[in-house]
Amino acid sequence: MQPAHFIIGPERAHLIDLALARGGHIPTSYDFPFRGCLVHYEAPEVARSVLATGEAEATQEADVYALGASLLISATGWRAVEYPDDAPRPEQRRAVASGRRRPVRVRGELGELIDAMLSSAPEDRPTIHEVGKALG
């Protein structure tokens, strides 16, 4: 999911843009191994794996990175990693895989949390439980 998948109202949030998420049988022609997500939410290790092997494994650490990237784009309007909007996916992935990212310019505890969530080293990212506690 990404920020554009939600409409936030005064009482509740609505999840939209579920595309093919309908459940049931998935025909073989539509099924595919995990190859990453929108590049600007991919963790550097996912981008490196996709570039090297064409595949990647979803991990909790990569999910924390993706949530951090989502929080950053929601708070600032900027992707964590800079690359041209019209760059091909491999070029975008190379930028993400490099581990170089924009500085987090969100003040206070939220900025510190986002910065930690976007660490290029998966083992340095907070756990999802730590993120939940910090956001609570």
Protein backbone atom coordinates (compact mmCIF):
# COMPACT_ATOMS: atom_id res chain seq x y z
CA MET A 1 0.00 0.00 0.00
CA GLN A 2 1.03 3.59 -0.45
CA PRO A 3 -0.33 6.93 0.75
CA ALA A 4 -2.40 7.37 -2.41
CA HIS A 5 -4.34 4.21 -1.48
CA PHE A 6 -6.13 5.94 1.40
CA ILE A 7 -8.77 8.61 1.83
CA ILE A 8 -8.48 9.95 5.36
CA GLY A 9 -11.72 11.30 6.82
CA PRO A 10 -12.52 12.89 10.17
CA GLU A 11 -13.80 9.63 11.64
CA ARG A 12 -12.05 6.89 9.66
CA ALA A 13 -9.74 6.04 6.80
CA HIS A 14 -10.88 4.28 3.62
CA LEU A 15 -8.61 1.91 1.71
CA ILE A 16 -8.97 2.35 -2.06
CA ASP A 17 -7.19 1.13 -5.21
CA LEU A 18 -7.13 -2.58 -4.52
CA ALA A 19 -6.61 -3.38 -8.23
CA LEU A 20 -6.58 -7.18 -8.53
CA ALA A 21 -6.98 -7.89 -4.78
CA ARG A 22 -10.24 -9.83 -5.04
CA GLY A 23 -9.25 -13.19 -3.61
CA GLY A 24 -9.97 -16.53 -5.19
CA HIS A 25 -7.96 -18.48 -7.71
CA ILE A 26 -5.12 -16.64 -9.47
CA PRO A 27 -4.51 -17.94 -13.01
CA THR A 28 -0.93 -19.07 -13.64
CA SER A 29 -0.53 -16.41 -16.31
CA TYR A 30 -1.09 -13.70 -13.67
CA ASP A 31 0.85 -15.26 -10.82
CA PHE A 32 4.47 -14.20 -10.42
CA PRO A 33 7.18 -14.38 -7.76
CA PHE A 34 7.75 -11.31 -5.62
CA ARG A 35 9.86 -8.89 -7.65
CA GLY A 36 9.60 -5.86 -5.43
CA CYS A 37 7.08 -3.10 -5.30
CA LEU A 38 6.95 0.47 -6.46
CA VAL A 39 10.63 1.26 -6.43
CA HIS A 40 10.34 4.29 -4.16
CA TYR A 41 9.08 2.01 -1.36
CA GLU A 42 11.69 -0.71 -1.91
CA ALA A 43 14.40 -1.23 0.66
CA PRO A 44 17.96 -1.08 -0.72
CA GLU A 45 18.49 -4.81 -0.12
CA VAL A 46 15.32 -5.62 -2.10
CA ALA A 47 16.43 -3.40 -4.98
CA ARG A 48 19.89 -5.02 -5.00
CA SER A 49 18.37 -8.51 -5.02
CA VAL A 50 15.97 -7.71 -7.86
CA LEU A 51 18.82 -6.19 -9.90
CA ALA A 52 21.11 -9.17 -9.24
CA THR A 53 18.69 -12.09 -9.52
CA GLY A 54 15.35 -10.75 -10.72
CA GLU A 55 13.76 -11.83 -7.45
CA ALA A 56 13.57 -10.71 -3.84
CA GLU A 57 12.24 -12.03 -0.59
CA ALA A 58 9.89 -9.90 1.47
CA THR A 59 11.18 -9.38 5.00
CA GLN A 60 9.92 -7.55 8.06
CA GLU A 61 12.90 -5.20 7.81
CA ALA A 62 12.01 -4.35 4.20
CA ASP A 63 8.41 -3.74 5.29
CA VAL A 64 9.63 -1.30 7.96
CA TYR A 65 11.66 0.52 5.28
CA ALA A 66 8.58 0.67 3.02
CA LEU A 67 6.47 2.10 5.84
CA GLY A 68 9.18 4.67 6.58
CA ALA A 69 9.28 5.64 2.89
CA SER A 70 5.49 5.95 2.94
CA LEU A 71 5.57 8.13 6.06
CA LEU A 72 8.25 10.33 4.51
CA ILE A 73 6.35 10.83 1.26
CA SER A 74 3.17 11.53 3.25
CA ALA A 75 4.87 14.12 5.46
CA THR A 76 7.00 15.85 2.82
CA GLY A 77 5.80 14.89 -0.65
CA TRP A 78 9.32 13.66 -1.47
CA ARG A 79 10.57 10.14 -2.18
CA ALA A 80 13.34 8.87 0.07
CA VAL A 81 15.65 8.45 -2.93
CA GLU A 82 16.07 10.98 -5.71
CA TYR A 83 15.88 9.86 -9.34
CA PRO A 84 14.15 11.29 -12.39
CA ASP A 85 10.40 10.65 -12.47
CA ASP A 86 10.66 9.16 -15.95
CA ALA A 87 13.72 6.99 -15.23
CA PRO A 88 13.37 3.32 -16.20
CA ARG A 89 12.82 0.92 -13.29
CA PRO A 90 16.37 -0.49 -13.41
CA GLU A 91 17.78 3.04 -13.09
CA GLN A 92 15.41 3.76 -10.21
CA ARG A 93 16.45 0.51 -8.51
CA ARG A 94 20.15 1.32 -8.92
CA ALA A 95 19.53 4.63 -7.14
CA VAL A 96 17.70 2.85 -4.29
CA ALA A 97 20.27 0.03 -4.16
CA SER A 98 23.09 2.55 -3.67
CA GLY A 99 21.71 3.32 -0.21
CA ARG A 100 22.05 7.08 -0.79
CA ARG A 101 18.90 8.90 0.14
CA ARG A 102 17.58 12.33 0.82
CA PRO A 103 17.95 13.64 4.36
CA VAL A 104 14.78 13.31 6.41
CA ARG A 105 13.48 16.82 6.96
CA VAL A 106 10.67 16.03 9.38
CA ARG A 107 11.03 17.61 12.79
CA GLY A 108 10.85 15.90 16.13
CA GLU A 109 10.38 12.30 17.11
CA LEU A 110 8.59 11.41 13.88
CA GLY A 111 11.58 12.57 11.86
CA GLU A 112 13.94 10.54 14.03
CA LEU A 113 11.72 7.48 13.63
CA ILE A 114 11.48 7.85 9.84
CA ASP A 115 15.25 8.32 9.61
CA ALA A 116 15.82 5.08 11.55
CA MET A 117 13.22 3.21 9.46
CA LEU A 118 15.05 4.26 6.28
CA SER A 119 18.43 2.98 7.42
CA SER A 120 20.30 1.34 4.55
CA ALA A 121 21.28 -1.47 6.94
CA PRO A 122 18.24 -3.68 7.67
CA GLU A 123 19.57 -4.67 11.10
CA ASP A 124 19.68 -1.00 12.14
CA ARG A 125 15.98 -0.41 11.44
CA PRO A 126 13.51 -0.54 14.32
CA THR A 127 11.18 -3.51 14.48
CA ILE A 128 7.54 -3.05 13.51
CA HIS A 129 6.67 -3.39 17.20
CA GLU A 130 9.05 -0.53 18.05
CA VAL A 131 7.54 1.53 15.22
CA GLY A 132 4.02 0.85 16.49
CA LYS A 133 4.98 1.84 20.02
CA ALA A 134 6.66 5.04 18.79
CA LEU A 135 3.66 5.97 16.65
CA GLY A 136 1.22 5.16 19.47
